[in-house]
Amino acid sequence: MPQTRRPILDDMARLMTDAAGLAQGVRREAETIARTQMERLLSTMDVVTREEFEAVRDMAILAREENERLEARLSALEAKLGAAD
């Protein structure tokens, strides 16, 4: 069976391939613009990085634990003074 050339189908296939490539390019460009705008917005806001947040959180936990130890120690000393009176 001889193969017949279908230029209309070939042209449509080429057009669809080009459209898919164009859509991917537009998507990449939109992502780049969105990322740039988000970075610009975040740079104007007073936000901290996750690493900075976690470091301060860890410091707060340690300070709370130290306060609890000191409170227990103070209570014990006050109890001793109260018993001595």
N, C-alpha and C. Protein backbone atom coordinates (compact mmCIF):
# COMPACT_ATOMS: atom_id res chain seq x y z
N MET A 1 0.86 -1.17 0.00
CA MET A 1 0.00 0.00 0.00
C MET A 1 0.90 1.23 0.00
N PRO A 2 0.74 2.07 -0.95
CA PRO A 2 1.59 3.26 -1.02
C PRO A 2 1.19 4.25 0.08
N GLN A 3 2.23 4.86 0.64
CA GLN A 3 1.98 5.85 1.67
C GLN A 3 1.67 7.17 1.01
N THR A 4 0.60 7.75 1.46
CA THR A 4 0.24 9.05 0.91
C THR A 4 0.67 10.12 1.91
N ARG A 5 1.06 11.21 1.42
CA ARG A 5 1.52 12.32 2.26
C ARG A 5 0.30 13.15 2.61
N ARG A 6 0.19 13.45 3.87
CA ARG A 6 -0.93 14.26 4.34
C ARG A 6 -0.37 15.56 4.90
N PRO A 7 -0.18 16.53 4.06
CA PRO A 7 0.44 17.78 4.51
C PRO A 7 -0.38 18.52 5.56
N ILE A 8 -1.69 18.39 5.48
CA ILE A 8 -2.52 19.09 6.47
C ILE A 8 -2.28 18.49 7.86
N LEU A 9 -2.22 17.16 7.95
CA LEU A 9 -1.97 16.51 9.24
C LEU A 9 -0.55 16.82 9.72
N ASP A 10 0.41 16.82 8.80
CA ASP A 10 1.79 17.15 9.18
C ASP A 10 1.87 18.58 9.71
N ASP A 11 1.20 19.48 9.02
CA ASP A 11 1.21 20.88 9.46
C ASP A 11 0.54 21.03 10.82
N MET A 12 -0.57 20.31 11.04
CA MET A 12 -1.25 20.39 12.33
C MET A 12 -0.39 19.81 13.45
N ALA A 13 0.31 18.71 13.17
CA ALA A 13 1.18 18.10 14.17
C ALA A 13 2.32 19.05 14.51
N ARG A 14 2.90 19.67 13.51
CA ARG A 14 3.98 20.64 13.74
C ARG A 14 3.46 21.83 14.54
N LEU A 15 2.27 22.30 14.22
CA LEU A 15 1.67 23.42 14.94
C LEU A 15 1.42 23.07 16.40
N MET A 16 0.93 21.85 16.66
CA MET A 16 0.69 21.42 18.03
C MET A 16 1.99 21.30 18.81
N THR A 17 3.02 20.79 18.17
CA THR A 17 4.33 20.68 18.82
C THR A 17 4.87 22.06 19.16
N ASP A 18 4.76 22.98 18.23
CA ASP A 18 5.21 24.36 18.48
C ASP A 18 4.40 25.01 19.60
N ALA A 19 3.10 24.75 19.62
CA ALA A 19 2.25 25.33 20.66
C ALA A 19 2.62 24.77 22.03
N ALA A 20 2.94 23.49 22.09
CA ALA A 20 3.35 22.88 23.37
C ALA A 20 4.66 23.49 23.84
N GLY A 21 5.59 23.68 22.95
CA GLY A 21 6.86 24.32 23.31
C GLY A 21 6.66 25.74 23.78
N LEU A 22 5.79 26.46 23.10
CA LEU A 22 5.49 27.84 23.48
C LEU A 22 4.84 27.88 24.86
N ALA A 23 3.93 26.95 25.12
CA ALA A 23 3.26 26.90 26.43
C ALA A 23 4.26 26.63 27.54
N GLN A 24 5.23 25.76 27.30
CA GLN A 24 6.25 25.49 28.31
C GLN A 24 7.10 26.74 28.56
N GLY A 25 7.42 27.45 27.50
CA GLY A 25 8.19 28.69 27.65
C GLY A 25 7.43 29.74 28.44
N VAL A 26 6.15 29.86 28.15
CA VAL A 26 5.31 30.82 28.89
C VAL A 26 5.22 30.42 30.35
N ARG A 27 5.07 29.13 30.63
CA ARG A 27 5.00 28.65 32.01
C ARG A 27 6.30 28.98 32.76
N ARG A 28 7.44 28.72 32.14
CA ARG A 28 8.72 29.02 32.77
C ARG A 28 8.86 30.52 33.04
N GLU A 29 8.45 31.31 32.09
CA GLU A 29 8.54 32.77 32.25
C GLU A 29 7.63 33.25 33.38
N ALA A 30 6.41 32.70 33.44
CA ALA A 30 5.48 33.07 34.51
C ALA A 30 6.03 32.66 35.88
N GLU A 31 6.63 31.49 35.98
CA GLU A 31 7.23 31.05 37.24
C GLU A 31 8.37 31.98 37.65
N THR A 32 9.18 32.38 36.69
CA THR A 32 10.29 33.28 36.98
C THR A 32 9.79 34.62 37.47
N ILE A 33 8.77 35.15 36.82
CA ILE A 33 8.21 36.44 37.23
C ILE A 33 7.59 36.33 38.62
N ALA A 34 6.85 35.26 38.86
CA ALA A 34 6.22 35.07 40.17
C ALA A 34 7.28 34.95 41.27
N ARG A 35 8.32 34.19 41.00
CA ARG A 35 9.39 34.02 41.99
C ARG A 35 10.08 35.36 42.27
N THR A 36 10.34 36.12 41.23
CA THR A 36 10.98 37.43 41.40
C THR A 36 10.10 38.37 42.21
N GLN A 37 8.82 38.40 41.91
CA GLN A 37 7.90 39.26 42.65
C GLN A 37 7.81 38.83 44.12
N MET A 38 7.77 37.53 44.37
CA MET A 38 7.69 37.02 45.74
C MET A 38 8.96 37.39 46.51
N GLU A 39 10.12 37.23 45.88
CA GLU A 39 11.38 37.59 46.53
C GLU A 39 11.41 39.09 46.83
N ARG A 40 10.93 39.90 45.90
CA ARG A 40 10.89 41.34 46.11
C ARG A 40 9.96 41.69 47.27
N LEU A 41 8.81 41.05 47.32
CA LEU A 41 7.86 41.29 48.41
C LEU A 41 8.45 40.88 49.75
N LEU A 42 9.06 39.71 49.81
CA LEU A 42 9.64 39.23 51.06
C LEU A 42 10.81 40.10 51.51
N SER A 43 11.54 40.65 50.57
CA SER A 43 12.67 41.50 50.96
C SER A 43 12.20 42.81 51.58
N THR A 44 11.01 43.26 51.24
CA THR A 44 10.49 44.50 51.83
C THR A 44 9.81 44.26 53.17
N MET A 45 9.47 43.00 53.45
CA MET A 45 8.80 42.67 54.71
C MET A 45 9.86 42.33 55.76
N ASP A 46 9.47 42.43 57.01
CA ASP A 46 10.37 42.12 58.10
C ASP A 46 10.16 40.67 58.50
N VAL A 47 10.70 39.75 57.70
CA VAL A 47 10.55 38.33 57.98
C VAL A 47 11.92 37.72 58.25
N VAL A 48 11.93 36.61 58.94
CA VAL A 48 13.18 35.92 59.25
C VAL A 48 13.21 34.59 58.50
N THR A 49 14.40 34.07 58.36
CA THR A 49 14.53 32.77 57.71
C THR A 49 14.15 31.68 58.72
N ARG A 50 13.88 30.51 58.22
CA ARG A 50 13.53 29.39 59.09
C ARG A 50 14.67 29.10 60.05
N GLU A 51 15.91 29.18 59.58
CA GLU A 51 17.06 28.90 60.43
C GLU A 51 17.14 29.90 61.59
N GLU A 52 16.90 31.18 61.29
CA GLU A 52 16.91 32.20 62.34
C GLU A 52 15.78 31.95 63.34
N PHE A 53 14.62 31.62 62.83
CA PHE A 53 13.47 31.35 63.71
C PHE A 53 13.76 30.18 64.63
N GLU A 54 14.29 29.09 64.08
CA GLU A 54 14.56 27.90 64.88
C GLU A 54 15.64 28.18 65.92
N ALA A 55 16.65 28.98 65.57
CA ALA A 55 17.70 29.32 66.53
C ALA A 55 17.12 30.11 67.71
N VAL A 56 16.27 31.08 67.42
CA VAL A 56 15.66 31.87 68.49
C VAL A 56 14.71 31.01 69.31
N ARG A 57 13.98 30.12 68.66
CA ARG A 57 13.08 29.22 69.37
C ARG A 57 13.86 28.33 70.33
N ASP A 58 15.00 27.79 69.87
CA ASP A 58 15.83 26.95 70.73
C ASP A 58 16.36 27.75 71.92
N MET A 59 16.75 29.00 71.67
CA MET A 59 17.22 29.85 72.76
C MET A 59 16.10 30.09 73.78
N ALA A 60 14.89 30.31 73.30
CA ALA A 60 13.75 30.53 74.20
C ALA A 60 13.45 29.28 75.03
N ILE A 61 13.56 28.11 74.42
CA ILE A 61 13.33 26.86 75.15
C ILE A 61 14.37 26.71 76.26
N LEU A 62 15.63 26.97 75.93
CA LEU A 62 16.69 26.88 76.94
C LEU A 62 16.46 27.89 78.06
N ALA A 63 16.06 29.10 77.72
CA ALA A 63 15.81 30.12 78.74
C ALA A 63 14.65 29.71 79.63
N ARG A 64 13.60 29.14 79.05
CA ARG A 64 12.46 28.69 79.84
C ARG A 64 12.88 27.59 80.80
N GLU A 65 13.67 26.64 80.32
CA GLU A 65 14.14 25.55 81.17
C GLU A 65 15.01 26.09 82.31
N GLU A 66 15.87 27.05 82.01
CA GLU A 66 16.71 27.66 83.04
C GLU A 66 15.85 28.40 84.07
N ASN A 67 14.84 29.11 83.61
CA ASN A 67 13.93 29.80 84.53
C ASN A 67 13.22 28.81 85.45
N GLU A 68 12.81 27.68 84.91
CA GLU A 68 12.14 26.67 85.72
C GLU A 68 13.09 26.09 86.78
N ARG A 69 14.35 25.85 86.38
CA ARG A 69 15.34 25.35 87.35
C ARG A 69 15.59 26.38 88.45
N LEU A 70 15.73 27.64 88.05
CA LEU A 70 15.97 28.70 89.04
C LEU A 70 14.77 28.88 89.96
N GLU A 71 13.57 28.77 89.40
CA GLU A 71 12.35 28.89 90.22
C GLU A 71 12.29 27.77 91.25
N ALA A 72 12.63 26.55 90.84
CA ALA A 72 12.63 25.42 91.77
C ALA A 72 13.68 25.63 92.85
N ARG A 73 14.85 26.12 92.45
CA ARG A 73 15.92 26.38 93.42
C ARG A 73 15.52 27.47 94.40
N LEU A 74 14.90 28.53 93.90
CA LEU A 74 14.44 29.63 94.75
C LEU A 74 13.37 29.14 95.73
N SER A 75 12.47 28.32 95.25
CA SER A 75 11.43 27.77 96.13
C SER A 75 12.05 26.93 97.23
N ALA A 76 13.06 26.14 96.88
CA ALA A 76 13.72 25.31 97.89
C ALA A 76 14.43 26.18 98.92
N LEU A 77 15.10 27.24 98.47
CA LEU A 77 15.78 28.15 99.41
C LEU A 77 14.78 28.87 100.30
N GLU A 78 13.66 29.30 99.71
CA GLU A 78 12.62 29.98 100.51
C GLU A 78 12.03 29.02 101.54
N ALA A 79 11.88 27.76 101.15
CA ALA A 79 11.36 26.75 102.08
C ALA A 79 12.33 26.56 103.24
N LYS A 80 13.63 26.53 102.95
CA LYS A 80 14.64 26.38 104.00
C LYS A 80 14.59 27.59 104.94
N LEU A 81 14.49 28.80 104.36
CA LEU A 81 14.43 29.99 105.19
C LEU A 81 13.16 30.01 106.02
N GLY A 82 12.08 29.58 105.47
CA GLY A 82 10.81 29.52 106.19
C GLY A 82 10.87 28.51 107.33
N ALA A 83 11.57 27.41 107.12
CA ALA A 83 11.69 26.38 108.16
C ALA A 83 12.64 26.85 109.25
N ALA A 84 13.60 27.68 108.90
CA ALA A 84 14.58 28.17 109.87
C ALA A 84 13.96 29.23 110.78
N ASP A 85 12.92 29.90 110.32
CA ASP A 85 12.30 30.97 111.14
C ASP A 85 11.55 30.43 112.26
